[in-house]
Amino acid sequence: MALLAAGLAGFWVASLVGDDGPDPAVSGRHPAVEDLIPARGSEVLQQQTVGIDLSAPYELSSLVIRPSASPGGGVEVIGQTDHTAGLNRYLFSPGPGQPIAALSPDANCAVAVFAPIARRDETATVEWCFEVS
C-alpha cells in the first residue's frame, strides 16, 4: 500500500514540474497556429512533410517553401497540400510529380498565409526555417 501511495505521489510531482510551457516552435506566434511541421530549427531529411496545424476557425490560403533563409522566391504548394479537416492540418509531401521533388539540402524555410474563415481579408503570416540533411 505504501508503495502505491509513493508511486501516485511521484506521478503527482512529475505532473507539476513536467510542463515545459508552450511549444517553442510556435510560442510568440499567432494564436491560430497550433503546430509547425517540421518544428522551427529542426533537422530533417529531404522527403520531410512540411505543413501547419491551424485552430478551427482559420483557413490556409498560401504555403510557400523556399530553399534558403533569404526572403523571396520559393515554390507555392497550396494546391498540392493534403488538408485534414477535423484537425485543420495542411501538409505538403515532396516527391515525384510534385512541384518540389525533394527539399534542398541545408536551410529551407516555409511561409504560411492564413485567415479566419469568416474574415478572409484579415490575413496573418508565419514563417519558419529548418535544416535539411
N, C-alpha and C. Protein backbone atom coordinates (compact mmCIF):
# COMPACT_ATOMS: atom_id res chain seq x y z
N MET A 1 0.82 -1.20 0.00
CA MET A 1 0.00 0.00 0.00
C MET A 1 0.86 1.26 0.00
N ALA A 2 1.94 1.21 0.81
CA ALA A 2 2.84 2.36 0.87
C ALA A 2 3.52 2.58 -0.49
N LEU A 3 3.82 1.48 -1.17
CA LEU A 3 4.45 1.58 -2.48
C LEU A 3 3.51 2.24 -3.49
N LEU A 4 2.23 1.91 -3.42
CA LEU A 4 1.24 2.52 -4.29
C LEU A 4 1.12 4.02 -4.02
N ALA A 5 1.10 4.40 -2.76
CA ALA A 5 1.00 5.81 -2.38
C ALA A 5 2.23 6.57 -2.86
N ALA A 6 3.40 5.97 -2.73
CA ALA A 6 4.63 6.62 -3.19
C ALA A 6 4.61 6.79 -4.70
N GLY A 7 4.11 5.80 -5.42
CA GLY A 7 4.02 5.88 -6.88
C GLY A 7 3.08 6.99 -7.32
N LEU A 8 1.92 7.08 -6.69
CA LEU A 8 0.96 8.14 -7.02
C LEU A 8 1.53 9.51 -6.70
N ALA A 9 2.25 9.62 -5.58
CA ALA A 9 2.87 10.90 -5.22
C ALA A 9 3.92 11.28 -6.27
N GLY A 10 4.66 10.30 -6.77
CA GLY A 10 5.65 10.56 -7.81
C GLY A 10 5.02 11.08 -9.09
N PHE A 11 3.90 10.47 -9.51
CA PHE A 11 3.19 10.95 -10.70
C PHE A 11 2.67 12.37 -10.50
N TRP A 12 2.18 12.66 -9.30
CA TRP A 12 1.67 13.99 -9.00
C TRP A 12 2.78 15.03 -9.09
N VAL A 13 3.93 14.76 -8.51
CA VAL A 13 5.07 15.68 -8.56
C VAL A 13 5.52 15.87 -10.01
N ALA A 14 5.59 14.78 -10.77
CA ALA A 14 6.02 14.87 -12.18
C ALA A 14 5.05 15.73 -12.98
N SER A 15 3.76 15.63 -12.68
CA SER A 15 2.79 16.44 -13.43
C SER A 15 2.95 17.93 -13.11
N LEU A 16 3.42 18.25 -11.91
CA LEU A 16 3.62 19.65 -11.54
C LEU A 16 4.85 20.25 -12.20
N VAL A 17 5.92 19.47 -12.33
CA VAL A 17 7.17 20.01 -12.85
C VAL A 17 7.42 19.62 -14.30
N GLY A 18 6.62 18.76 -14.88
CA GLY A 18 6.88 18.24 -16.21
C GLY A 18 6.42 19.12 -17.35
N ASP A 19 5.66 20.16 -17.10
CA ASP A 19 5.15 21.01 -18.18
C ASP A 19 6.20 22.04 -18.54
N ASP A 20 6.68 21.99 -19.78
CA ASP A 20 7.69 22.94 -20.24
C ASP A 20 7.06 24.18 -20.85
N GLY A 21 5.77 24.34 -20.76
CA GLY A 21 5.10 25.50 -21.33
C GLY A 21 4.75 25.26 -22.78
N PRO A 22 4.45 26.34 -23.51
CA PRO A 22 4.03 26.20 -24.89
C PRO A 22 5.17 25.67 -25.76
N ASP A 23 4.80 25.06 -26.86
CA ASP A 23 5.76 24.54 -27.82
C ASP A 23 6.65 25.68 -28.30
N PRO A 24 8.00 25.55 -28.14
CA PRO A 24 8.87 26.65 -28.55
C PRO A 24 8.80 26.95 -30.04
N ALA A 25 8.34 25.99 -30.83
CA ALA A 25 8.25 26.21 -32.28
C ALA A 25 7.17 27.21 -32.62
N VAL A 26 6.17 27.38 -31.76
CA VAL A 26 5.08 28.28 -32.09
C VAL A 26 4.86 29.36 -31.05
N SER A 27 5.62 29.36 -29.95
CA SER A 27 5.40 30.39 -28.94
C SER A 27 5.74 31.76 -29.51
N GLY A 28 4.98 32.75 -29.10
CA GLY A 28 5.18 34.10 -29.60
C GLY A 28 4.61 34.31 -30.99
N ARG A 29 3.89 33.37 -31.51
CA ARG A 29 3.31 33.48 -32.84
C ARG A 29 1.81 33.69 -32.73
N HIS A 30 1.20 33.76 -33.88
CA HIS A 30 -0.25 33.96 -33.96
C HIS A 30 -0.97 32.85 -33.20
N PRO A 31 -1.99 33.18 -32.42
CA PRO A 31 -2.68 32.15 -31.64
C PRO A 31 -3.39 31.11 -32.48
N ALA A 32 -3.59 31.36 -33.77
CA ALA A 32 -4.23 30.36 -34.63
C ALA A 32 -3.31 29.20 -34.95
N VAL A 33 -2.00 29.38 -34.80
CA VAL A 33 -1.04 28.35 -35.16
C VAL A 33 -0.87 27.38 -33.99
N GLU A 34 -1.27 26.13 -34.22
CA GLU A 34 -1.15 25.11 -33.19
C GLU A 34 0.14 24.30 -33.32
N ASP A 35 0.64 24.15 -34.56
CA ASP A 35 1.86 23.37 -34.76
C ASP A 35 2.47 23.72 -36.11
N LEU A 36 3.80 23.69 -36.17
CA LEU A 36 4.53 23.86 -37.40
C LEU A 36 5.24 22.55 -37.71
N ILE A 37 5.20 22.13 -38.97
CA ILE A 37 5.76 20.84 -39.35
C ILE A 37 6.72 21.06 -40.52
N PRO A 38 8.00 20.76 -40.37
CA PRO A 38 8.68 20.36 -39.13
C PRO A 38 8.82 21.55 -38.18
N ALA A 39 9.20 21.28 -36.97
CA ALA A 39 9.35 22.34 -35.99
C ALA A 39 10.45 23.30 -36.40
N ARG A 40 10.30 24.54 -36.00
CA ARG A 40 11.30 25.57 -36.29
C ARG A 40 12.66 25.10 -35.78
N GLY A 41 13.68 25.21 -36.65
CA GLY A 41 15.05 24.88 -36.26
C GLY A 41 15.41 23.41 -36.26
N SER A 42 14.47 22.54 -36.61
CA SER A 42 14.77 21.11 -36.57
C SER A 42 15.59 20.68 -37.79
N GLU A 43 16.20 19.52 -37.69
CA GLU A 43 16.97 18.95 -38.80
C GLU A 43 16.18 17.77 -39.34
N VAL A 44 15.92 17.78 -40.66
CA VAL A 44 15.05 16.78 -41.28
C VAL A 44 15.69 16.22 -42.55
N LEU A 45 15.06 15.20 -43.10
CA LEU A 45 15.50 14.60 -44.35
C LEU A 45 14.83 15.30 -45.54
N GLN A 46 15.33 15.04 -46.76
CA GLN A 46 14.82 15.73 -47.94
C GLN A 46 13.37 15.40 -48.28
N GLN A 47 12.83 14.30 -47.81
CA GLN A 47 11.43 13.93 -48.09
C GLN A 47 10.48 14.31 -46.96
N GLN A 48 10.93 15.15 -46.03
CA GLN A 48 10.12 15.58 -44.88
C GLN A 48 8.85 16.29 -45.34
N THR A 49 7.75 15.94 -44.72
CA THR A 49 6.49 16.65 -44.94
C THR A 49 6.59 18.03 -44.29
N VAL A 50 6.04 19.04 -44.97
CA VAL A 50 6.04 20.41 -44.47
C VAL A 50 4.59 20.86 -44.35
N GLY A 51 4.25 21.48 -43.24
CA GLY A 51 2.87 21.93 -43.09
C GLY A 51 2.62 22.72 -41.84
N ILE A 52 1.36 22.97 -41.62
CA ILE A 52 0.92 23.79 -40.49
C ILE A 52 -0.40 23.25 -39.97
N ASP A 53 -0.58 23.34 -38.67
CA ASP A 53 -1.81 22.94 -38.00
C ASP A 53 -2.43 24.22 -37.44
N LEU A 54 -3.63 24.55 -37.91
CA LEU A 54 -4.30 25.78 -37.51
C LEU A 54 -5.51 25.47 -36.62
N SER A 55 -5.87 26.43 -35.79
CA SER A 55 -7.09 26.26 -35.00
C SER A 55 -8.30 26.31 -35.94
N ALA A 56 -9.42 25.80 -35.47
CA ALA A 56 -10.59 25.54 -36.30
C ALA A 56 -11.13 26.71 -37.13
N PRO A 57 -11.22 27.92 -36.62
CA PRO A 57 -11.85 28.94 -37.47
C PRO A 57 -10.94 29.56 -38.53
N TYR A 58 -9.78 28.95 -38.79
CA TYR A 58 -8.84 29.51 -39.76
C TYR A 58 -8.67 28.61 -40.97
N GLU A 59 -8.25 29.24 -42.08
CA GLU A 59 -8.04 28.51 -43.32
C GLU A 59 -6.72 28.96 -43.95
N LEU A 60 -5.95 28.02 -44.45
CA LEU A 60 -4.68 28.33 -45.10
C LEU A 60 -4.95 28.80 -46.52
N SER A 61 -4.32 29.91 -46.93
CA SER A 61 -4.50 30.40 -48.29
C SER A 61 -3.22 30.31 -49.12
N SER A 62 -2.07 30.14 -48.47
CA SER A 62 -0.81 30.03 -49.20
C SER A 62 0.21 29.29 -48.35
N LEU A 63 0.98 28.41 -49.00
CA LEU A 63 2.11 27.75 -48.35
C LEU A 63 3.25 27.74 -49.36
N VAL A 64 4.30 28.50 -49.06
CA VAL A 64 5.45 28.62 -49.94
C VAL A 64 6.65 28.00 -49.24
N ILE A 65 7.39 27.17 -49.97
CA ILE A 65 8.61 26.56 -49.45
C ILE A 65 9.76 27.08 -50.30
N ARG A 66 10.81 27.56 -49.62
CA ARG A 66 11.96 28.07 -50.37
C ARG A 66 13.25 27.46 -49.80
N PRO A 67 14.24 27.31 -50.66
CA PRO A 67 15.46 26.61 -50.27
C PRO A 67 16.51 27.44 -49.57
N SER A 68 16.15 28.53 -48.94
CA SER A 68 17.12 29.29 -48.16
C SER A 68 16.39 30.20 -47.20
N ALA A 69 17.15 30.78 -46.28
CA ALA A 69 16.55 31.68 -45.31
C ALA A 69 16.38 33.09 -45.87
N SER A 70 16.91 33.36 -47.06
CA SER A 70 16.77 34.69 -47.63
C SER A 70 15.34 34.89 -48.16
N PRO A 71 14.81 36.10 -48.03
CA PRO A 71 13.43 36.34 -48.47
C PRO A 71 13.30 36.28 -50.00
N GLY A 72 12.10 36.03 -50.44
CA GLY A 72 11.81 36.00 -51.87
C GLY A 72 11.94 34.61 -52.46
N GLY A 73 11.34 34.44 -53.61
CA GLY A 73 11.40 33.15 -54.30
C GLY A 73 10.58 32.09 -53.60
N GLY A 74 10.87 30.86 -53.91
CA GLY A 74 10.16 29.75 -53.31
C GLY A 74 9.11 29.19 -54.24
N VAL A 75 8.50 28.11 -53.81
CA VAL A 75 7.50 27.40 -54.61
C VAL A 75 6.19 27.36 -53.84
N GLU A 76 5.13 27.83 -54.46
CA GLU A 76 3.79 27.77 -53.86
C GLU A 76 3.27 26.34 -53.98
N VAL A 77 2.90 25.74 -52.86
CA VAL A 77 2.45 24.34 -52.87
C VAL A 77 1.04 24.16 -52.32
N ILE A 78 0.28 25.25 -52.15
CA ILE A 78 -1.05 25.15 -51.56
C ILE A 78 -1.95 24.19 -52.34
N GLY A 79 -1.81 24.14 -53.65
CA GLY A 79 -2.65 23.25 -54.46
C GLY A 79 -2.33 21.78 -54.30
N GLN A 80 -1.20 21.48 -53.69
CA GLN A 80 -0.80 20.08 -53.50
C GLN A 80 -0.80 19.67 -52.03
N THR A 81 -1.37 20.49 -51.17
CA THR A 81 -1.41 20.11 -49.75
C THR A 81 -2.56 19.16 -49.49
N ASP A 82 -2.35 18.29 -48.52
CA ASP A 82 -3.41 17.42 -48.02
C ASP A 82 -4.00 18.11 -46.80
N HIS A 83 -5.30 18.34 -46.81
CA HIS A 83 -5.97 19.01 -45.70
C HIS A 83 -6.78 18.00 -44.91
N THR A 84 -6.46 17.86 -43.64
CA THR A 84 -7.24 17.01 -42.74
C THR A 84 -8.20 17.93 -42.00
N ALA A 85 -9.47 17.91 -42.42
CA ALA A 85 -10.45 18.88 -41.93
C ALA A 85 -10.66 18.82 -40.41
N GLY A 86 -10.78 17.65 -39.85
CA GLY A 86 -11.03 17.53 -38.41
C GLY A 86 -9.92 18.11 -37.56
N LEU A 87 -8.70 18.03 -38.06
CA LEU A 87 -7.55 18.57 -37.33
C LEU A 87 -7.14 19.95 -37.84
N ASN A 88 -7.66 20.34 -38.98
CA ASN A 88 -7.31 21.58 -39.67
C ASN A 88 -5.80 21.65 -39.91
N ARG A 89 -5.28 20.53 -40.38
CA ARG A 89 -3.85 20.39 -40.65
C ARG A 89 -3.65 20.36 -42.16
N TYR A 90 -2.70 21.16 -42.65
CA TYR A 90 -2.37 21.25 -44.06
C TYR A 90 -0.94 20.72 -44.24
N LEU A 91 -0.75 19.69 -45.06
CA LEU A 91 0.55 19.06 -45.21
C LEU A 91 0.93 18.92 -46.68
N PHE A 92 2.19 19.21 -46.98
CA PHE A 92 2.75 19.00 -48.31
C PHE A 92 3.89 18.00 -48.17
N SER A 93 3.87 16.98 -49.03
CA SER A 93 4.94 15.97 -49.04
C SER A 93 5.68 16.04 -50.37
N PRO A 94 6.98 16.34 -50.34
CA PRO A 94 7.76 16.34 -51.58
C PRO A 94 7.80 14.95 -52.19
N GLY A 95 7.95 14.88 -53.50
CA GLY A 95 8.05 13.58 -54.16
C GLY A 95 7.89 13.71 -55.66
N PRO A 96 7.99 12.60 -56.36
CA PRO A 96 7.84 12.61 -57.82
C PRO A 96 6.46 13.16 -58.21
N GLY A 97 6.45 14.02 -59.22
CA GLY A 97 5.20 14.61 -59.68
C GLY A 97 4.75 15.81 -58.88
N GLN A 98 5.44 16.14 -57.82
CA GLN A 98 5.11 17.31 -57.00
C GLN A 98 5.94 18.50 -57.48
N PRO A 99 5.54 19.73 -57.15
CA PRO A 99 6.34 20.90 -57.54
C PRO A 99 7.74 20.89 -56.91
N ILE A 100 7.89 20.19 -55.79
CA ILE A 100 9.18 20.01 -55.15
C ILE A 100 9.37 18.51 -54.99
N ALA A 101 10.37 17.95 -55.70
CA ALA A 101 10.61 16.51 -55.63
C ALA A 101 11.30 16.13 -54.32
N ALA A 102 12.18 17.01 -53.83
CA ALA A 102 12.89 16.80 -52.57
C ALA A 102 13.29 18.17 -52.04
N LEU A 103 13.28 18.34 -50.74
CA LEU A 103 13.72 19.59 -50.15
C LEU A 103 15.20 19.79 -50.43
N SER A 104 15.61 21.02 -50.63
CA SER A 104 17.01 21.33 -50.90
C SER A 104 17.86 21.11 -49.66
N PRO A 105 19.10 20.65 -49.85
CA PRO A 105 20.00 20.49 -48.70
C PRO A 105 20.25 21.84 -48.02
N ASP A 106 20.56 21.80 -46.76
CA ASP A 106 20.85 22.97 -45.93
C ASP A 106 19.56 23.67 -45.49
N ALA A 107 19.58 24.98 -45.42
CA ALA A 107 18.44 25.73 -44.87
C ALA A 107 17.26 25.76 -45.83
N ASN A 108 16.07 25.54 -45.30
CA ASN A 108 14.82 25.69 -46.03
C ASN A 108 13.88 26.46 -45.11
N CYS A 109 12.99 27.24 -45.71
CA CYS A 109 12.00 27.99 -44.94
C CYS A 109 10.62 27.77 -45.56
N ALA A 110 9.62 27.88 -44.73
CA ALA A 110 8.23 27.80 -45.19
C ALA A 110 7.52 29.07 -44.73
N VAL A 111 6.62 29.56 -45.57
CA VAL A 111 5.83 30.74 -45.24
C VAL A 111 4.36 30.37 -45.45
N ALA A 112 3.58 30.48 -44.39
CA ALA A 112 2.16 30.16 -44.47
C ALA A 112 1.35 31.44 -44.27
N VAL A 113 0.35 31.62 -45.12
CA VAL A 113 -0.58 32.75 -45.00
C VAL A 113 -1.95 32.16 -44.72
N PHE A 114 -2.61 32.68 -43.72
CA PHE A 114 -3.91 32.14 -43.30
C PHE A 114 -4.80 33.27 -42.81
N ALA A 115 -6.09 32.96 -42.69
CA ALA A 115 -7.07 33.96 -42.25
C ALA A 115 -8.26 33.26 -41.61
N PRO A 116 -9.00 34.00 -40.80
CA PRO A 116 -10.25 33.43 -40.28
C PRO A 116 -11.20 33.16 -41.45
N ILE A 117 -11.90 32.06 -41.41
CA ILE A 117 -12.81 31.70 -42.49
C ILE A 117 -13.86 32.78 -42.70
N ALA A 118 -14.34 33.38 -41.63
CA ALA A 118 -15.39 34.39 -41.73
C ALA A 118 -14.87 35.76 -42.17
N ARG A 119 -13.54 35.99 -42.09
CA ARG A 119 -12.95 37.29 -42.44
C ARG A 119 -11.67 37.06 -43.24
N ARG A 120 -11.81 36.59 -44.45
CA ARG A 120 -10.65 36.18 -45.26
C ARG A 120 -9.73 37.33 -45.63
N ASP A 121 -10.16 38.56 -45.45
CA ASP A 121 -9.29 39.70 -45.76
C ASP A 121 -8.33 40.02 -44.60
N GLU A 122 -8.50 39.38 -43.45
CA GLU A 122 -7.65 39.61 -42.28
C GLU A 122 -6.57 38.53 -42.21
N THR A 123 -5.64 38.57 -43.14
CA THR A 123 -4.62 37.53 -43.22
C THR A 123 -3.52 37.73 -42.19
N ALA A 124 -2.89 36.63 -41.86
CA ALA A 124 -1.71 36.62 -40.99
C ALA A 124 -0.68 35.71 -41.64
N THR A 125 0.58 35.90 -41.31
CA THR A 125 1.66 35.13 -41.91
C THR A 125 2.57 34.60 -40.82
N VAL A 126 3.02 33.37 -40.99
CA VAL A 126 4.03 32.80 -40.11
C VAL A 126 5.11 32.19 -41.00
N GLU A 127 6.35 32.40 -40.62
CA GLU A 127 7.49 31.85 -41.34
C GLU A 127 8.35 31.05 -40.37
N TRP A 128 8.83 29.91 -40.82
CA TRP A 128 9.74 29.11 -40.00
C TRP A 128 10.76 28.45 -40.91
N CYS A 129 11.96 28.21 -40.34
CA CYS A 129 13.05 27.61 -41.10
C CYS A 129 13.53 26.36 -40.40
N PHE A 130 14.13 25.48 -41.18
CA PHE A 130 14.63 24.19 -40.69
C PHE A 130 15.79 23.76 -41.57
N GLU A 131 16.60 22.85 -41.08
CA GLU A 131 17.77 22.35 -41.80
C GLU A 131 17.45 21.00 -42.44
N VAL A 132 17.91 20.83 -43.68
CA VAL A 132 17.70 19.57 -44.40
C VAL A 132 19.05 18.91 -44.61
N SER A 133 19.13 17.65 -44.21
CA SER A 133 20.41 16.93 -44.37
C SER A 133 20.32 15.91 -45.51
